[in-house]
Amino acid sequence: MITQLHHVQLAMPVGQEHLAIRFYSNLLGLDIEPKPDVLAKRGGVWFRLGEVRVHLGAEEPFVPAKKAHPAFLCHDLDVLAQTLKSAKFHVHWDEKLSGFKRFYTADPFGNRIEFLRPAT
């Protein structure tokens, strides 16, 4: 039986790890998690913050996930939204999920990412 989600895997273009690090580590605050040597040869980069894990795998040809996406619970959405806007990432607020405040953005590769918190 499933007990929890271990990680989310997203695709990224080959050789673009620096852009993944800028977004997921520098802007979102996730730590880089070392990949096992056998997997590191494939490219990509892994991130972790507590129990939240995001793996970016290099894929060729690359196609971004426009609909499927991870959704991250956050403490201060307004600060995060401003951080992303300042870094030139588009922020799209959405009020369609009752009981939550949320927005969407796209990572540097066009993968859809959702951020939300319970409404007060």
N, C-alpha and C. Protein backbone atom coordinates (compact mmCIF):
# COMPACT_ATOMS: atom_id res chain seq x y z
N MET A 1 0.83 -1.18 0.00
CA MET A 1 0.00 0.00 0.00
C MET A 1 0.88 1.25 0.00
N ILE A 2 0.41 2.27 -0.67
CA ILE A 2 1.15 3.55 -0.74
C ILE A 2 1.06 4.25 0.61
N THR A 3 2.19 4.77 1.08
CA THR A 3 2.21 5.49 2.35
C THR A 3 2.50 6.98 2.18
N GLN A 4 3.21 7.36 1.14
CA GLN A 4 3.46 8.77 0.85
C GLN A 4 4.11 8.89 -0.52
N LEU A 5 4.15 10.11 -1.02
CA LEU A 5 4.80 10.39 -2.28
C LEU A 5 6.29 10.61 -2.03
N HIS A 6 7.14 9.90 -2.74
CA HIS A 6 8.59 10.03 -2.56
C HIS A 6 9.15 11.23 -3.33
N HIS A 7 8.80 11.35 -4.60
CA HIS A 7 9.28 12.48 -5.41
C HIS A 7 8.39 12.68 -6.63
N VAL A 8 8.56 13.83 -7.23
CA VAL A 8 7.93 14.14 -8.51
C VAL A 8 9.06 14.28 -9.52
N GLN A 9 8.89 13.67 -10.69
CA GLN A 9 9.89 13.78 -11.75
C GLN A 9 9.32 14.66 -12.85
N LEU A 10 10.12 15.63 -13.27
CA LEU A 10 9.80 16.48 -14.40
C LEU A 10 10.92 16.36 -15.42
N ALA A 11 10.61 16.66 -16.65
CA ALA A 11 11.62 16.60 -17.70
C ALA A 11 12.22 17.98 -17.93
N MET A 12 13.43 17.97 -18.44
CA MET A 12 14.13 19.19 -18.81
C MET A 12 14.99 18.90 -20.03
N PRO A 13 15.37 19.93 -20.79
CA PRO A 13 16.25 19.70 -21.93
C PRO A 13 17.65 19.29 -21.47
N VAL A 14 18.32 18.53 -22.27
CA VAL A 14 19.69 18.10 -22.00
C VAL A 14 20.60 19.32 -21.87
N GLY A 15 21.47 19.31 -20.85
CA GLY A 15 22.48 20.35 -20.70
C GLY A 15 22.00 21.65 -20.08
N GLN A 16 20.80 21.67 -19.52
CA GLN A 16 20.26 22.91 -18.96
C GLN A 16 20.16 22.88 -17.43
N GLU A 17 21.01 22.11 -16.79
CA GLU A 17 20.98 21.99 -15.34
C GLU A 17 21.14 23.33 -14.63
N HIS A 18 21.93 24.24 -15.18
CA HIS A 18 22.12 25.55 -14.56
C HIS A 18 20.82 26.32 -14.44
N LEU A 19 19.93 26.18 -15.43
CA LEU A 19 18.63 26.85 -15.36
C LEU A 19 17.73 26.20 -14.32
N ALA A 20 17.81 24.89 -14.20
CA ALA A 20 17.04 24.18 -13.18
C ALA A 20 17.49 24.61 -11.79
N ILE A 21 18.79 24.72 -11.58
CA ILE A 21 19.32 25.14 -10.29
C ILE A 21 18.90 26.57 -9.97
N ARG A 22 18.95 27.44 -10.93
CA ARG A 22 18.53 28.84 -10.71
C ARG A 22 17.08 28.89 -10.24
N PHE A 23 16.21 28.14 -10.88
CA PHE A 23 14.79 28.18 -10.54
C PHE A 23 14.48 27.43 -9.25
N TYR A 24 14.80 26.16 -9.21
CA TYR A 24 14.37 25.31 -8.10
C TYR A 24 15.18 25.56 -6.82
N SER A 25 16.45 25.90 -6.93
CA SER A 25 17.27 26.12 -5.75
C SER A 25 17.32 27.61 -5.39
N ASN A 26 17.78 28.44 -6.31
CA ASN A 26 17.95 29.86 -6.01
C ASN A 26 16.64 30.58 -5.75
N LEU A 27 15.60 30.31 -6.54
CA LEU A 27 14.33 31.02 -6.37
C LEU A 27 13.38 30.33 -5.40
N LEU A 28 13.26 29.01 -5.50
CA LEU A 28 12.30 28.29 -4.66
C LEU A 28 12.89 27.83 -3.33
N GLY A 29 14.20 27.79 -3.22
CA GLY A 29 14.84 27.44 -1.96
C GLY A 29 15.04 25.96 -1.71
N LEU A 30 14.90 25.13 -2.74
CA LEU A 30 15.16 23.70 -2.58
C LEU A 30 16.68 23.45 -2.62
N ASP A 31 17.12 22.49 -1.85
CA ASP A 31 18.53 22.11 -1.85
C ASP A 31 18.82 21.12 -2.97
N ILE A 32 20.01 21.18 -3.51
CA ILE A 32 20.42 20.19 -4.51
C ILE A 32 20.72 18.90 -3.77
N GLU A 33 20.13 17.81 -4.24
CA GLU A 33 20.35 16.49 -3.64
C GLU A 33 21.25 15.69 -4.59
N PRO A 34 22.38 15.20 -4.11
CA PRO A 34 23.27 14.43 -4.99
C PRO A 34 22.56 13.21 -5.58
N LYS A 35 22.82 13.00 -6.86
CA LYS A 35 22.28 11.82 -7.52
C LYS A 35 23.28 10.67 -7.39
N PRO A 36 22.79 9.45 -7.33
CA PRO A 36 23.72 8.31 -7.37
C PRO A 36 24.56 8.37 -8.64
N ASP A 37 25.82 7.95 -8.54
CA ASP A 37 26.75 8.05 -9.67
C ASP A 37 26.18 7.45 -10.96
N VAL A 38 25.55 6.31 -10.85
CA VAL A 38 25.03 5.64 -12.04
C VAL A 38 23.94 6.48 -12.72
N LEU A 39 23.19 7.27 -11.95
CA LEU A 39 22.14 8.12 -12.52
C LEU A 39 22.67 9.49 -12.92
N ALA A 40 23.72 9.97 -12.26
CA ALA A 40 24.27 11.29 -12.56
C ALA A 40 24.76 11.38 -14.01
N LYS A 41 25.20 10.25 -14.55
CA LYS A 41 25.70 10.22 -15.93
C LYS A 41 24.62 10.57 -16.95
N ARG A 42 23.35 10.44 -16.56
CA ARG A 42 22.23 10.72 -17.47
C ARG A 42 21.90 12.20 -17.56
N GLY A 43 22.50 13.02 -16.70
CA GLY A 43 22.17 14.44 -16.65
C GLY A 43 20.97 14.68 -15.74
N GLY A 44 20.52 15.92 -15.71
CA GLY A 44 19.42 16.28 -14.83
C GLY A 44 19.94 16.64 -13.46
N VAL A 45 19.03 16.99 -12.58
CA VAL A 45 19.40 17.40 -11.23
C VAL A 45 18.24 17.11 -10.27
N TRP A 46 18.58 16.75 -9.05
CA TRP A 46 17.57 16.45 -8.03
C TRP A 46 17.57 17.54 -6.98
N PHE A 47 16.38 17.81 -6.42
CA PHE A 47 16.22 18.82 -5.38
C PHE A 47 15.42 18.25 -4.23
N ARG A 48 15.67 18.82 -3.03
CA ARG A 48 14.94 18.36 -1.85
C ARG A 48 14.89 19.48 -0.81
N LEU A 49 13.77 19.55 -0.12
CA LEU A 49 13.61 20.40 1.05
C LEU A 49 12.71 19.65 2.01
N GLY A 50 13.28 19.10 3.07
CA GLY A 50 12.52 18.25 3.97
C GLY A 50 12.05 17.02 3.21
N GLU A 51 10.76 16.77 3.24
CA GLU A 51 10.19 15.61 2.53
C GLU A 51 9.77 15.93 1.10
N VAL A 52 9.95 17.17 0.66
CA VAL A 52 9.60 17.57 -0.71
C VAL A 52 10.78 17.27 -1.61
N ARG A 53 10.56 16.42 -2.60
CA ARG A 53 11.62 16.07 -3.55
C ARG A 53 11.13 16.30 -4.98
N VAL A 54 11.98 16.94 -5.78
CA VAL A 54 11.70 17.16 -7.19
C VAL A 54 12.91 16.68 -7.96
N HIS A 55 12.70 15.79 -8.90
CA HIS A 55 13.78 15.28 -9.76
C HIS A 55 13.55 15.82 -11.16
N LEU A 56 14.57 16.41 -11.73
CA LEU A 56 14.53 16.87 -13.12
C LEU A 56 15.40 15.93 -13.93
N GLY A 57 14.80 15.26 -14.89
CA GLY A 57 15.52 14.33 -15.74
C GLY A 57 15.72 14.90 -17.13
N ALA A 58 16.93 14.81 -17.64
CA ALA A 58 17.23 15.29 -18.99
C ALA A 58 16.58 14.38 -20.01
N GLU A 59 15.91 14.99 -20.97
CA GLU A 59 15.15 14.21 -21.95
C GLU A 59 15.33 14.82 -23.33
N GLU A 60 15.54 13.94 -24.30
CA GLU A 60 15.69 14.37 -25.69
C GLU A 60 14.91 13.42 -26.59
N PRO A 61 13.95 13.88 -27.35
CA PRO A 61 13.52 15.27 -27.42
C PRO A 61 12.74 15.68 -26.16
N PHE A 62 12.82 16.94 -25.83
CA PHE A 62 12.15 17.47 -24.65
C PHE A 62 10.78 18.05 -25.01
N VAL A 63 9.79 17.75 -24.20
CA VAL A 63 8.45 18.34 -24.33
C VAL A 63 8.00 18.73 -22.92
N PRO A 64 7.70 20.03 -22.68
CA PRO A 64 7.30 20.43 -21.34
C PRO A 64 5.92 19.90 -20.97
N ALA A 65 5.70 19.73 -19.66
CA ALA A 65 4.39 19.31 -19.16
C ALA A 65 3.53 20.57 -18.98
N LYS A 66 2.55 20.75 -19.86
CA LYS A 66 1.71 21.94 -19.84
C LYS A 66 0.50 21.79 -18.93
N LYS A 67 0.05 20.57 -18.69
CA LYS A 67 -1.13 20.33 -17.86
C LYS A 67 -0.75 19.58 -16.59
N ALA A 68 -0.12 18.44 -16.71
CA ALA A 68 0.33 17.69 -15.53
C ALA A 68 1.34 18.55 -14.79
N HIS A 69 1.27 18.56 -13.45
CA HIS A 69 2.15 19.45 -12.69
C HIS A 69 2.20 19.06 -11.22
N PRO A 70 3.29 19.44 -10.54
CA PRO A 70 3.32 19.33 -9.08
C PRO A 70 2.64 20.56 -8.49
N ALA A 71 2.10 20.42 -7.30
CA ALA A 71 1.49 21.53 -6.57
C ALA A 71 2.17 21.58 -5.20
N PHE A 72 2.79 22.69 -4.90
CA PHE A 72 3.54 22.86 -3.66
C PHE A 72 2.77 23.74 -2.68
N LEU A 73 2.58 23.24 -1.45
CA LEU A 73 2.01 24.07 -0.39
C LEU A 73 3.07 25.06 0.07
N CYS A 74 2.67 26.32 0.27
CA CYS A 74 3.60 27.38 0.63
C CYS A 74 3.04 28.22 1.76
N HIS A 75 3.94 28.81 2.55
CA HIS A 75 3.53 29.69 3.65
C HIS A 75 3.11 31.06 3.14
N ASP A 76 3.92 31.69 2.34
CA ASP A 76 3.66 33.07 1.91
C ASP A 76 3.67 33.16 0.38
N LEU A 77 2.50 32.96 -0.19
CA LEU A 77 2.40 32.97 -1.65
C LEU A 77 2.74 34.33 -2.25
N ASP A 78 2.34 35.40 -1.56
CA ASP A 78 2.58 36.73 -2.13
C ASP A 78 4.08 37.02 -2.27
N VAL A 79 4.86 36.64 -1.28
CA VAL A 79 6.31 36.85 -1.35
C VAL A 79 6.90 35.99 -2.47
N LEU A 80 6.48 34.74 -2.56
CA LEU A 80 6.98 33.86 -3.62
C LEU A 80 6.58 34.38 -4.99
N ALA A 81 5.34 34.82 -5.14
CA ALA A 81 4.89 35.37 -6.42
C ALA A 81 5.74 36.57 -6.82
N GLN A 82 6.03 37.45 -5.87
CA GLN A 82 6.85 38.63 -6.17
C GLN A 82 8.28 38.22 -6.53
N THR A 83 8.82 37.24 -5.83
CA THR A 83 10.17 36.73 -6.14
C THR A 83 10.23 36.22 -7.57
N LEU A 84 9.22 35.44 -7.96
CA LEU A 84 9.18 34.89 -9.32
C LEU A 84 9.00 35.99 -10.36
N LYS A 85 8.10 36.94 -10.09
CA LYS A 85 7.90 38.07 -11.02
C LYS A 85 9.19 38.86 -11.20
N SER A 86 9.90 39.11 -10.10
CA SER A 86 11.15 39.86 -10.17
C SER A 86 12.20 39.13 -11.01
N ALA A 87 12.10 37.81 -11.05
CA ALA A 87 13.02 37.00 -11.85
C ALA A 87 12.49 36.76 -13.26
N LYS A 88 11.41 37.48 -13.62
CA LYS A 88 10.82 37.45 -14.98
C LYS A 88 10.04 36.18 -15.29
N PHE A 89 9.48 35.54 -14.25
CA PHE A 89 8.59 34.40 -14.46
C PHE A 89 7.16 34.89 -14.36
N HIS A 90 6.33 34.45 -15.27
CA HIS A 90 4.92 34.84 -15.28
C HIS A 90 4.19 34.14 -14.13
N VAL A 91 3.35 34.89 -13.41
CA VAL A 91 2.55 34.35 -12.32
C VAL A 91 1.08 34.53 -12.69
N HIS A 92 0.35 33.42 -12.68
CA HIS A 92 -1.08 33.44 -13.02
C HIS A 92 -1.89 33.02 -11.80
N TRP A 93 -2.55 34.00 -11.17
CA TRP A 93 -3.39 33.69 -10.01
C TRP A 93 -4.67 33.01 -10.46
N ASP A 94 -5.14 32.07 -9.67
CA ASP A 94 -6.34 31.30 -10.02
C ASP A 94 -7.18 31.10 -8.76
N GLU A 95 -8.46 31.42 -8.84
CA GLU A 95 -9.36 31.31 -7.68
C GLU A 95 -10.40 30.20 -7.85
N LYS A 96 -10.13 29.25 -8.70
CA LYS A 96 -11.11 28.21 -9.01
C LYS A 96 -11.14 27.05 -8.02
N LEU A 97 -10.16 26.96 -7.12
CA LEU A 97 -10.11 25.88 -6.15
C LEU A 97 -10.59 26.40 -4.80
N SER A 98 -11.80 26.05 -4.44
CA SER A 98 -12.40 26.54 -3.21
C SER A 98 -11.55 26.17 -2.00
N GLY A 99 -11.37 27.15 -1.11
CA GLY A 99 -10.63 26.91 0.11
C GLY A 99 -9.14 27.13 -0.01
N PHE A 100 -8.65 27.52 -1.18
CA PHE A 100 -7.22 27.73 -1.39
C PHE A 100 -6.96 29.02 -2.16
N LYS A 101 -5.85 29.64 -1.84
CA LYS A 101 -5.29 30.72 -2.65
C LYS A 101 -4.15 30.07 -3.42
N ARG A 102 -4.09 30.33 -4.73
CA ARG A 102 -3.06 29.65 -5.51
C ARG A 102 -2.68 30.43 -6.76
N PHE A 103 -1.52 30.08 -7.29
CA PHE A 103 -1.10 30.59 -8.59
C PHE A 103 -0.29 29.53 -9.32
N TYR A 104 -0.18 29.73 -10.61
CA TYR A 104 0.63 28.87 -11.47
C TYR A 104 1.76 29.69 -12.06
N THR A 105 2.83 29.01 -12.35
CA THR A 105 3.92 29.58 -13.13
C THR A 105 4.46 28.44 -13.99
N ALA A 106 5.50 28.71 -14.73
CA ALA A 106 6.20 27.66 -15.48
C ALA A 106 7.67 27.74 -15.12
N ASP A 107 8.31 26.60 -15.00
CA ASP A 107 9.75 26.59 -14.75
C ASP A 107 10.46 27.07 -16.02
N PRO A 108 11.77 27.19 -16.02
CA PRO A 108 12.47 27.71 -17.21
C PRO A 108 12.25 26.89 -18.48
N PHE A 109 11.73 25.69 -18.33
CA PHE A 109 11.56 24.79 -19.47
C PHE A 109 10.11 24.73 -19.94
N GLY A 110 9.21 25.45 -19.27
CA GLY A 110 7.80 25.45 -19.65
C GLY A 110 6.95 24.45 -18.91
N ASN A 111 7.50 23.73 -17.94
CA ASN A 111 6.71 22.81 -17.12
C ASN A 111 5.82 23.61 -16.18
N ARG A 112 4.54 23.27 -16.13
CA ARG A 112 3.59 23.95 -15.25
C ARG A 112 3.87 23.60 -13.79
N ILE A 113 3.86 24.62 -12.93
CA ILE A 113 4.10 24.45 -11.50
C ILE A 113 3.00 25.23 -10.75
N GLU A 114 2.40 24.59 -9.75
CA GLU A 114 1.36 25.24 -8.95
C GLU A 114 1.87 25.46 -7.53
N PHE A 115 1.51 26.61 -6.95
CA PHE A 115 1.81 26.93 -5.56
C PHE A 115 0.51 27.34 -4.90
N LEU A 116 0.26 26.81 -3.67
CA LEU A 116 -1.00 27.11 -3.01
C LEU A 116 -0.87 27.07 -1.51
N ARG A 117 -1.87 27.67 -0.85
CA ARG A 117 -1.99 27.62 0.60
C ARG A 117 -3.47 27.67 0.92
N PRO A 118 -3.87 27.10 2.06
CA PRO A 118 -5.27 27.21 2.45
C PRO A 118 -5.67 28.67 2.60
N ALA A 119 -6.88 29.00 2.14
CA ALA A 119 -7.38 30.37 2.26
C ALA A 119 -7.66 30.69 3.72
N THR A 120 -7.47 31.94 4.08
CA THR A 120 -7.74 32.34 5.46
C THR A 120 -9.13 32.95 5.58
